[in-house]
Protein backbone atom coordinates (compact mmCIF):
# COMPACT_ATOMS: atom_id res chain seq x y z
CA MET A 1 0.00 0.00 0.00
CA GLN A 2 1.14 3.54 -0.72
CA ILE A 3 0.02 7.07 0.12
CA GLN A 4 1.00 10.51 -1.08
CA LEU A 5 2.59 12.46 1.79
CA LYS A 6 2.88 16.24 1.88
CA LEU A 7 4.45 18.16 4.77
CA PHE A 8 4.01 21.93 4.90
CA ALA A 9 5.84 25.01 6.20
CA THR A 10 8.40 24.18 8.90
CA LEU A 11 7.74 20.43 8.51
CA ARG A 12 8.71 20.44 4.83
CA ALA A 13 12.36 19.69 5.69
CA LEU A 14 11.24 16.32 7.11
CA THR A 15 9.65 15.19 3.84
CA PRO A 16 11.08 11.81 2.79
CA ASP A 17 12.38 11.29 -0.75
CA ASN A 18 9.60 8.78 -1.48
CA ALA A 19 6.76 11.08 -0.32
CA ASP A 20 4.85 10.78 -3.61
CA SER A 21 4.51 7.02 -3.14
CA TYR A 22 5.16 6.54 0.59
CA PRO A 23 4.77 2.86 1.56
CA ILE A 24 2.50 1.96 4.48
CA ALA A 25 1.33 -1.26 6.08
CA PRO A 26 -2.36 -2.10 6.49
CA GLY A 27 -3.73 -0.45 9.63
CA THR A 28 -1.19 2.40 9.65
CA THR A 29 -2.59 5.56 11.23
CA VAL A 30 -1.61 9.19 10.75
CA GLY A 31 -0.08 9.03 14.24
CA ASP A 32 2.13 6.14 13.13
CA ILE A 33 3.45 8.26 10.24
CA VAL A 34 4.04 11.25 12.54
CA ALA A 35 5.98 9.03 14.97
CA HIS A 36 7.98 7.35 12.18
CA LEU A 37 9.03 10.74 10.78
CA GLU A 38 9.89 11.90 14.33
CA ILE A 39 7.52 14.86 14.14
CA PRO A 40 6.58 16.05 17.64
CA VAL A 41 2.81 15.50 18.05
CA LYS A 42 2.30 19.15 19.00
CA GLU A 43 3.84 20.11 15.64
CA ALA A 44 1.31 18.05 13.65
CA LYS A 45 -1.49 20.54 14.23
CA LEU A 46 -3.62 20.15 11.10
CA ILE A 47 -4.09 16.79 9.41
CA PHE A 48 -5.86 16.44 6.07
CA ILE A 49 -6.61 13.16 4.34
CA ASN A 50 -7.89 13.60 0.79
CA GLY A 51 -8.65 17.23 1.62
CA ILE A 52 -10.72 16.48 4.74
CA ARG A 53 -9.51 17.34 8.25
CA LYS A 54 -8.97 14.20 10.35
CA PRO A 55 -7.49 13.27 13.77
CA LEU A 56 -4.14 11.52 14.35
CA ASP A 57 -5.78 8.16 15.05
CA THR A 58 -7.30 7.94 11.55
CA PRO A 59 -6.22 4.81 9.67
CA LEU A 60 -4.84 5.32 6.17
CA VAL A 61 -5.74 3.30 3.09
CA ASP A 62 -4.01 2.74 -0.23
CA GLY A 63 -3.98 5.86 -2.39
CA ASP A 64 -4.74 8.39 0.38
CA ARG A 65 -3.29 11.89 0.16
CA LEU A 66 -2.00 12.93 3.59
CA GLY A 67 -1.15 16.54 4.38
CA ILE A 68 0.35 17.61 7.70
CA PHE A 69 0.58 21.26 8.75
CA PRO A 70 2.36 22.72 11.79
CA PRO A 71 0.70 25.34 13.98
CA VAL A 72 0.40 28.57 12.02
CA GLY A 73 0.37 32.12 13.25
CA GLY A 74 -0.52 35.37 11.69
CA GLY A 75 -0.22 39.00 12.34
């Protein structure tokens, strides 16, 4: 199984080389990906799967598009 992984803003530097076809095992959750990439949980503020906001415990399926955003601030 594979997903498309996109990290944004300050997390972009942690994007793996195989992000366009990132391999996952059945039952993998967003939290598993965050832990594997060593992203502090507090830095994974906004999670989108296929354009829909989801929590960290959401399981991923083959072909999902996962986007992870850090906390954002404005002025």
